[in-house]
Amino acid sequence: MKKLLIINPNSSEEMTRDIRSTVAYAVDSEFSIEVVRMTGSPHVLESFSDYTEAGAQVIAYLRGLKGQGSFPYDGVLLACMGDPCLYAVKEASPVPVIGIAEAGISMALLAGYKFSILASSAKAMPMMESMVMSYGLTDRMASVETFALPIDAFMEDPEVLRSGIRRTADIAVSRGADVLLLGCAGMTMLSDELDTLTNIPIIDPIKAGVEQLKAMLRGGFSVSRGGLYA
């Protein structure tokens, strides 16, 4: 059996619980899944400073696992839509690491022509735009739409998330999106409802990440240790 580690790089117990609930379907005779949070990180990640603090926690956690001898997992999923410090995390891990943003965007490219990211805070708009640009995929992104609310607003009231997705999805479609991508791991609380919220596909990057990590391990694909991740 292959062992997957899902790291929620923030310290939110509620978000970690929701992630664990979403991925429960993926546990089978071939894969086990453990979900952990970084207790020393900010409660939610809404700035580059938050990303850096959380990334340092994740790297220290992986180094601690490596220091115990044989690394206990076969693959790692970094469960934050900002892919915080992802390149450094890939350097630090002896096994394949996938970020949910790179996984979600990759799935969106297979599902349609142009995608929009539905995010929470106003700050998320330039942060997501910067991330997509760094992945060289700006031409495939229709827009980043936000609720202009902090993440805690929808974590405390799922109806805020439902209404926010419906509203921003309509705007994204008007701007050319034919696939939508949830812009925060915490939005996975509505993963089972997504088909009811809009008329076009909405991708939960948590599920996209789990499935792509499984595929990578099944296929025997590895992360390059030459070049960027050397």
C-alpha atoms as a PDB file:
ATOM      1  CA  MET A   1       0.000   0.000   0.000  1.00  0.00           C
ATOM      2  CA  LYS A   2       1.250   3.472  -0.892  1.00  0.00           C
ATOM      3  CA  LYS A   3       0.999   6.205   1.736  1.00  0.00           C
ATOM      4  CA  LEU A   4      -0.031   9.753   0.835  1.00  0.00           C
ATOM      5  CA  LEU A   5       0.589  12.718   3.109  1.00  0.00           C
ATOM      6  CA  ILE A   6      -1.650  15.763   2.700  1.00  0.00           C
ATOM      7  CA  ILE A   7      -0.249  18.839   4.401  1.00  0.00           C
ATOM      8  CA  ASN A   8      -2.557  21.706   5.248  1.00  0.00           C
ATOM      9  CA  PRO A   9       0.119  24.395   5.658  1.00  0.00           C
ATOM     10  CA  ASN A  10      -2.062  26.522   7.929  1.00  0.00           C
ATOM     11  CA  SER A  11      -3.082  25.721  11.504  1.00  0.00           C
ATOM     12  CA  SER A  12      -6.881  25.660  11.071  1.00  0.00           C
ATOM     13  CA  GLU A  13      -8.404  22.559  12.647  1.00  0.00           C
ATOM     14  CA  GLU A  14     -11.684  23.175  10.810  1.00  0.00           C
ATOM     15  CA  MET A  15     -10.070  23.398   7.382  1.00  0.00           C
ATOM     16  CA  THR A  16      -7.979  20.305   8.102  1.00  0.00           C
ATOM     17  CA  ARG A  17     -11.125  18.406   9.066  1.00  0.00           C
ATOM     18  CA  ASP A  18     -12.870  19.480   5.852  1.00  0.00           C
ATOM     19  CA  ILE A  19      -9.882  18.384   3.751  1.00  0.00           C
ATOM     20  CA  ARG A  20      -9.858  15.026   5.536  1.00  0.00           C
ATOM     21  CA  SER A  21     -13.574  14.613   4.812  1.00  0.00           C
ATOM     22  CA  THR A  22     -13.130  15.420   1.118  1.00  0.00           C
ATOM     23  CA  VAL A  23     -10.320  12.916   0.554  1.00  0.00           C
ATOM     24  CA  ALA A  24     -11.939  10.056   2.474  1.00  0.00           C
ATOM     25  CA  TYR A  25     -13.339   8.715  -0.805  1.00  0.00           C
ATOM     26  CA  ALA A  26      -9.798   8.190  -2.125  1.00  0.00           C
ATOM     27  CA  VAL A  27      -8.679   5.744   0.567  1.00  0.00           C
ATOM     28  CA  ASP A  28      -8.680   2.203  -0.789  1.00  0.00           C
ATOM     29  CA  SER A  29      -6.657  -0.994  -0.834  1.00  0.00           C
ATOM     30  CA  GLU A  30      -3.946   0.748  -2.870  1.00  0.00           C
ATOM     31  CA  PHE A  31      -3.605   4.066  -1.010  1.00  0.00           C
ATOM     32  CA  SER A  32      -3.776   5.282   2.566  1.00  0.00           C
ATOM     33  CA  ILE A  33      -4.020   9.012   3.306  1.00  0.00           C
ATOM     34  CA  GLU A  34      -2.945  11.040   6.332  1.00  0.00           C
ATOM     35  CA  VAL A  35      -3.891  14.714   6.659  1.00  0.00           C
ATOM     36  CA  VAL A  36      -1.893  16.989   8.953  1.00  0.00           C
ATOM     37  CA  ARG A  37      -1.813  20.709   9.720  1.00  0.00           C
ATOM     38  CA  MET A  38       1.084  22.962  10.644  1.00  0.00           C
ATOM     39  CA  THR A  39       0.274  24.029  14.187  1.00  0.00           C
ATOM     40  CA  GLY A  40       2.883  26.808  14.217  1.00  0.00           C
ATOM     41  CA  SER A  41       1.527  28.455  11.056  1.00  0.00           C
ATOM     42  CA  PRO A  42      -1.033  31.271  10.770  1.00  0.00           C
ATOM     43  CA  HIS A  43      -4.669  30.223  11.128  1.00  0.00           C
ATOM     44  CA  VAL A  44      -5.323  30.960   7.439  1.00  0.00           C
ATOM     45  CA  LEU A  45      -2.954  32.077   4.683  1.00  0.00           C
ATOM     46  CA  GLU A  46      -3.893  35.369   3.046  1.00  0.00           C
ATOM     47  CA  SER A  47      -0.586  37.095   2.282  1.00  0.00           C
ATOM     48  CA  PHE A  48       2.902  36.332   1.047  1.00  0.00           C
ATOM     49  CA  SER A  49       4.136  36.746   4.622  1.00  0.00           C
ATOM     50  CA  ASP A  50       1.676  34.042   5.679  1.00  0.00           C
ATOM     51  CA  TYR A  51       2.896  31.851   2.811  1.00  0.00           C
ATOM     52  CA  THR A  52       6.507  32.237   3.895  1.00  0.00           C
ATOM     53  CA  GLU A  53       5.796  31.412   7.532  1.00  0.00           C
ATOM     54  CA  ALA A  54       3.758  28.379   6.539  1.00  0.00           C
ATOM     55  CA  GLY A  55       6.308  27.229   3.973  1.00  0.00           C
ATOM     56  CA  ALA A  56       9.031  27.270   6.611  1.00  0.00           C
ATOM     57  CA  GLN A  57       6.848  25.112   8.851  1.00  0.00           C
ATOM     58  CA  VAL A  58       6.241  22.594   6.062  1.00  0.00           C
ATOM     59  CA  ILE A  59       9.930  22.355   5.170  1.00  0.00           C
ATOM     60  CA  ALA A  60      10.887  21.840   8.821  1.00  0.00           C
ATOM     61  CA  TYR A  61       8.197  19.155   9.132  1.00  0.00           C
ATOM     62  CA  LEU A  62       9.474  17.255   6.088  1.00  0.00           C
ATOM     63  CA  ARG A  63      13.072  17.507   7.280  1.00  0.00           C
ATOM     64  CA  GLY A  64      11.949  16.065  10.600  1.00  0.00           C
ATOM     65  CA  LEU A  65      10.389  13.103   8.823  1.00  0.00           C
ATOM     66  CA  LYS A  66      13.564  12.586   6.799  1.00  0.00           C
ATOM     67  CA  GLY A  67      15.603  12.661   9.976  1.00  0.00           C
ATOM     68  CA  GLN A  68      13.727   9.652  11.354  1.00  0.00           C
ATOM     69  CA  GLY A  69      15.313   7.362   8.764  1.00  0.00           C
ATOM     70  CA  SER A  70      13.228   5.885   5.966  1.00  0.00           C
ATOM     71  CA  PHE A  71      10.732   8.507   4.741  1.00  0.00           C
ATOM     72  CA  PRO A  72       7.275   7.203   5.774  1.00  0.00           C
ATOM     73  CA  TYR A  73       5.256   8.446   2.759  1.00  0.00           C
ATOM     74  CA  ASP A  74       5.289   7.821  -0.977  1.00  0.00           C
ATOM     75  CA  GLY A  75       3.875  11.191  -2.057  1.00  0.00           C
ATOM     76  CA  VAL A  76       2.936  14.580  -0.593  1.00  0.00           C
ATOM     77  CA  LEU A  77       0.112  16.981  -1.457  1.00  0.00           C
ATOM     78  CA  LEU A  78       0.488  20.619  -0.380  1.00  0.00           C
ATOM     79  CA  ALA A  79      -3.087  21.682   0.302  1.00  0.00           C
ATOM     80  CA  CYS A  80      -3.158  25.441  -0.149  1.00  0.00           C
ATOM     81  CA  MET A  81      -4.331  27.067  -3.367  1.00  0.00           C
ATOM     82  CA  GLY A  82      -1.422  29.516  -3.262  1.00  0.00           C
ATOM     83  CA  ASP A  83       1.121  26.660  -3.515  1.00  0.00           C
ATOM     84  CA  PRO A  84       3.144  28.408  -0.770  1.00  0.00           C
ATOM     85  CA  CYS A  85       6.904  27.874  -1.127  1.00  0.00           C
ATOM     86  CA  LEU A  86       6.121  24.908  -3.395  1.00  0.00           C
ATOM     87  CA  TYR A  87       9.501  24.833  -5.134  1.00  0.00           C
ATOM     88  CA  ALA A  88      11.313  24.795  -1.802  1.00  0.00           C
ATOM     89  CA  VAL A  89       8.988  22.073  -0.523  1.00  0.00           C
ATOM     90  CA  LYS A  90       9.789  19.965  -3.609  1.00  0.00           C
ATOM     91  CA  GLU A  91      13.486  20.465  -2.885  1.00  0.00           C
ATOM     92  CA  ALA A  92      13.005  19.330   0.704  1.00  0.00           C
ATOM     93  CA  SER A  93      10.967  16.210  -0.029  1.00  0.00           C
ATOM     94  CA  PRO A  94      12.526  12.906  -1.115  1.00  0.00           C
ATOM     95  CA  VAL A  95       9.206  11.856  -2.679  1.00  0.00           C
ATOM     96  CA  PRO A  96       6.954  13.536  -5.274  1.00  0.00           C
ATOM     97  CA  VAL A  97       5.176  16.700  -4.099  1.00  0.00           C
ATOM     98  CA  ILE A  98       2.198  18.276  -5.863  1.00  0.00           C
ATOM     99  CA  GLY A  99       0.629  21.607  -4.999  1.00  0.00           C
ATOM    100  CA  ILE A 100      -3.147  21.795  -5.259  1.00  0.00           C
ATOM    101  CA  ALA A 101      -2.951  24.950  -7.376  1.00  0.00           C
ATOM    102  CA  GLU A 102      -0.684  23.357  -9.990  1.00  0.00           C
ATOM    103  CA  ALA A 103      -2.914  20.265  -9.891  1.00  0.00           C
ATOM    104  CA  GLY A 104      -6.157  22.226 -10.158  1.00  0.00           C
ATOM    105  CA  ILE A 105      -4.870  24.379 -12.992  1.00  0.00           C
ATOM    106  CA  SER A 106      -3.568  21.313 -14.827  1.00  0.00           C
ATOM    107  CA  MET A 107      -6.984  19.682 -14.536  1.00  0.00           C
ATOM    108  CA  ALA A 108      -8.687  22.876 -15.720  1.00  0.00           C
ATOM    109  CA  LEU A 109      -6.538  22.837 -18.858  1.00  0.00           C
ATOM    110  CA  LEU A 110      -7.856  19.349 -19.621  1.00  0.00           C
ATOM    111  CA  ALA A 111     -11.466  20.268 -18.885  1.00  0.00           C
ATOM    112  CA  GLY A 112     -11.806  23.461 -20.924  1.00  0.00           C
ATOM    113  CA  TYR A 113     -10.099  26.297 -22.739  1.00  0.00           C
ATOM    114  CA  LYS A 114     -10.101  29.153 -20.226  1.00  0.00           C
ATOM    115  CA  PHE A 115     -10.436  28.916 -16.456  1.00  0.00           C
ATOM    116  CA  SER A 116     -11.283  31.387 -13.731  1.00  0.00           C
ATOM    117  CA  ILE A 117     -10.211  31.116 -10.111  1.00  0.00           C
ATOM    118  CA  LEU A 118     -12.879  31.914  -7.505  1.00  0.00           C
ATOM    119  CA  ALA A 119     -11.108  33.334  -4.465  1.00  0.00           C
ATOM    120  CA  SER A 120     -12.143  34.914  -1.190  1.00  0.00           C
ATOM    121  CA  SER A 121     -10.186  38.026  -0.235  1.00  0.00           C
ATOM    122  CA  ALA A 122      -9.439  41.005  -2.459  1.00  0.00           C
ATOM    123  CA  LYS A 123      -5.726  40.422  -1.779  1.00  0.00           C
ATOM    124  CA  ALA A 124      -6.071  36.989  -3.401  1.00  0.00           C
ATOM    125  CA  MET A 125      -6.642  38.505  -6.847  1.00  0.00           C
ATOM    126  CA  PRO A 126      -3.100  39.817  -7.468  1.00  0.00           C
ATOM    127  CA  MET A 127      -1.615  36.846  -5.607  1.00  0.00           C
ATOM    128  CA  MET A 128      -3.413  34.325  -7.831  1.00  0.00           C
ATOM    129  CA  GLU A 129      -2.625  36.332 -10.960  1.00  0.00           C
ATOM    130  CA  SER A 130       1.052  36.354  -9.980  1.00  0.00           C
ATOM    131  CA  MET A 131       1.038  32.601  -9.374  1.00  0.00           C
ATOM    132  CA  VAL A 132      -0.612  31.790 -12.706  1.00  0.00           C
ATOM    133  CA  MET A 133       1.843  34.088 -14.466  1.00  0.00           C
ATOM    134  CA  SER A 134       4.754  32.265 -12.807  1.00  0.00           C
ATOM    135  CA  TYR A 135       3.366  28.997 -14.220  1.00  0.00           C
ATOM    136  CA  GLY A 136       3.287  30.564 -17.690  1.00  0.00           C
ATOM    137  CA  LEU A 137      -0.469  30.125 -18.097  1.00  0.00           C
ATOM    138  CA  THR A 138      -1.857  33.647 -18.072  1.00  0.00           C
ATOM    139  CA  ASP A 139      -3.225  33.230 -21.599  1.00  0.00           C
ATOM    140  CA  ARG A 140      -5.387  30.314 -20.445  1.00  0.00           C
ATOM    141  CA  MET A 141      -6.878  32.204 -17.484  1.00  0.00           C
ATOM    142  CA  ALA A 142     -10.030  34.233 -18.027  1.00  0.00           C
ATOM    143  CA  SER A 143      -9.984  35.961 -14.643  1.00  0.00           C
ATOM    144  CA  VAL A 144      -9.610  35.797 -10.903  1.00  0.00           C
ATOM    145  CA  GLU A 145     -12.866  36.620  -9.131  1.00  0.00           C
ATOM    146  CA  THR A 146     -13.111  37.312  -5.399  1.00  0.00           C
ATOM    147  CA  PHE A 147     -15.793  37.671  -2.767  1.00  0.00           C
ATOM    148  CA  ALA A 148     -13.818  40.587  -1.249  1.00  0.00           C
ATOM    149  CA  LEU A 149     -14.132  38.829   2.111  1.00  0.00           C
ATOM    150  CA  PRO A 150     -11.589  37.193   4.445  1.00  0.00           C
ATOM    151  CA  ILE A 151     -11.419  33.392   4.405  1.00  0.00           C
ATOM    152  CA  ASP A 152     -12.866  33.194   7.917  1.00  0.00           C
ATOM    153  CA  ALA A 153     -16.109  34.761   6.626  1.00  0.00           C
ATOM    154  CA  PHE A 154     -17.070  31.645   4.682  1.00  0.00           C
ATOM    155  CA  MET A 155     -15.419  29.211   7.100  1.00  0.00           C
ATOM    156  CA  GLU A 156     -17.852  30.482   9.734  1.00  0.00           C
ATOM    157  CA  ASP A 157     -20.883  30.463   7.406  1.00  0.00           C
ATOM    158  CA  PRO A 158     -20.986  28.102   4.395  1.00  0.00           C
ATOM    159  CA  GLU A 159     -23.901  30.051   2.925  1.00  0.00           C
ATOM    160  CA  VAL A 160     -21.506  32.947   2.349  1.00  0.00           C
ATOM    161  CA  LEU A 161     -19.441  30.563   0.218  1.00  0.00           C
ATOM    162  CA  ARG A 162     -22.453  29.246  -1.708  1.00  0.00           C
ATOM    163  CA  SER A 163     -23.691  32.700  -2.605  1.00  0.00           C
ATOM    164  CA  GLY A 164     -20.179  33.909  -3.361  1.00  0.00           C
ATOM    165  CA  ILE A 165     -19.531  31.054  -5.774  1.00  0.00           C
ATOM    166  CA  ARG A 166     -22.836  31.591  -7.589  1.00  0.00           C
ATOM    167  CA  ARG A 167     -22.223  35.322  -7.955  1.00  0.00           C
ATOM    168  CA  THR A 168     -18.570  35.199  -9.000  1.00  0.00           C
ATOM    169  CA  ALA A 169     -19.135  32.203 -11.286  1.00  0.00           C
ATOM    170  CA  ASP A 170     -21.597  34.224 -13.370  1.00  0.00           C
ATOM    171  CA  ILE A 171     -19.060  37.053 -13.651  1.00  0.00           C
ATOM    172  CA  ALA A 172     -16.289  34.617 -14.610  1.00  0.00           C
ATOM    173  CA  VAL A 173     -18.425  33.071 -17.352  1.00  0.00           C
ATOM    174  CA  SER A 174     -19.157  36.541 -18.732  1.00  0.00           C
ATOM    175  CA  ARG A 175     -15.396  37.045 -18.980  1.00  0.00           C
ATOM    176  CA  GLY A 176     -14.842  33.906 -21.002  1.00  0.00           C
ATOM    177  CA  ALA A 177     -14.335  31.132 -18.455  1.00  0.00           C
ATOM    178  CA  ASP A 178     -15.632  27.692 -19.325  1.00  0.00           C
ATOM    179  CA  VAL A 179     -14.088  26.009 -16.262  1.00  0.00           C
ATOM    180  CA  LEU A 180     -14.001  27.314 -12.687  1.00  0.00           C
ATOM    181  CA  LEU A 181     -11.444  26.539 -10.008  1.00  0.00           C
ATOM    182  CA  LEU A 182     -11.980  26.901  -6.271  1.00  0.00           C
ATOM    183  CA  GLY A 183      -9.410  29.370  -4.990  1.00  0.00           C
ATOM    184  CA  CYS A 184      -8.972  28.157  -1.400  1.00  0.00           C
ATOM    185  CA  ALA A 185      -8.549  24.746   0.188  1.00  0.00           C
ATOM    186  CA  GLY A 186     -11.212  25.716   2.716  1.00  0.00           C
ATOM    187  CA  MET A 187     -13.805  25.820  -0.063  1.00  0.00           C
ATOM    188  CA  THR A 188     -13.610  22.038  -0.161  1.00  0.00           C
ATOM    189  CA  MET A 189     -16.397  22.090   2.444  1.00  0.00           C
ATOM    190  CA  LEU A 190     -18.790  22.343  -0.526  1.00  0.00           C
ATOM    191  CA  SER A 191     -17.013  19.779  -2.690  1.00  0.00           C
ATOM    192  CA  ASP A 192     -20.065  17.515  -2.901  1.00  0.00           C
ATOM    193  CA  GLU A 193     -22.351  20.423  -3.918  1.00  0.00           C
ATOM    194  CA  LEU A 194     -20.366  21.958  -6.748  1.00  0.00           C
ATOM    195  CA  ASP A 195     -22.486  20.506  -9.560  1.00  0.00           C
ATOM    196  CA  THR A 196     -25.529  22.294  -8.138  1.00  0.00           C
ATOM    197  CA  LEU A 197     -23.978  25.767  -8.020  1.00  0.00           C
ATOM    198  CA  THR A 198     -23.241  26.546 -11.685  1.00  0.00           C
ATOM    199  CA  ASN A 199     -23.824  25.200 -15.178  1.00  0.00           C
ATOM    200  CA  ILE A 200     -20.126  24.726 -16.006  1.00  0.00           C
ATOM    201  CA  PRO A 201     -17.517  22.517 -14.320  1.00  0.00           C
ATOM    202  CA  ILE A 202     -16.061  23.604 -10.992  1.00  0.00           C
ATOM    203  CA  ILE A 203     -12.837  21.890  -9.967  1.00  0.00           C
ATOM    204  CA  ASP A 204     -12.002  21.250  -6.329  1.00  0.00           C
ATOM    205  CA  PRO A 205      -8.175  21.420  -6.337  1.00  0.00           C
ATOM    206  CA  ILE A 206      -8.022  19.072  -3.343  1.00  0.00           C
ATOM    207  CA  LYS A 207      -9.583  16.268  -5.398  1.00  0.00           C
ATOM    208  CA  ALA A 208      -7.526  17.195  -8.454  1.00  0.00           C
ATOM    209  CA  GLY A 209      -4.371  17.010  -6.366  1.00  0.00           C
ATOM    210  CA  VAL A 210      -5.178  13.648  -4.824  1.00  0.00           C
ATOM    211  CA  GLU A 211      -5.996  12.101  -8.183  1.00  0.00           C
ATOM    212  CA  GLN A 212      -2.895  13.506  -9.885  1.00  0.00           C
ATOM    213  CA  LEU A 213      -0.633  12.380  -7.050  1.00  0.00           C
ATOM    214  CA  LYS A 214      -2.118   8.895  -7.286  1.00  0.00           C
ATOM    215  CA  ALA A 215      -1.574   8.872 -11.051  1.00  0.00           C
ATOM    216  CA  MET A 216       2.019  10.002 -10.626  1.00  0.00           C
ATOM    217  CA  LEU A 217       2.750   7.186  -8.194  1.00  0.00           C
ATOM    218  CA  ARG A 218       0.899   4.552 -10.209  1.00  0.00           C
ATOM    219  CA  GLY A 219       2.840   5.530 -13.316  1.00  0.00           C
ATOM    220  CA  GLY A 220       6.173   5.582 -11.542  1.00  0.00           C
ATOM    221  CA  PHE A 221       6.807   9.223 -12.451  1.00  0.00           C
ATOM    222  CA  SER A 222       9.338  11.111 -10.342  1.00  0.00           C
ATOM    223  CA  VAL A 223      10.245  14.743  -9.719  1.00  0.00           C
ATOM    224  CA  SER A 224      13.371  15.839 -11.571  1.00  0.00           C
ATOM    225  CA  ARG A 225      16.446  16.382  -9.437  1.00  0.00           C
ATOM    226  CA  GLY A 226      18.208  18.309 -12.177  1.00  0.00           C
ATOM    227  CA  GLY A 227      17.476  21.963 -12.814  1.00  0.00           C
ATOM    228  CA  LEU A 228      14.881  23.767 -10.714  1.00  0.00           C
ATOM    229  CA  TYR A 229      14.398  21.115  -8.030  1.00  0.00           C
ATOM    230  CA  ALA A 230      18.020  19.964  -7.818  1.00  0.00           C
END
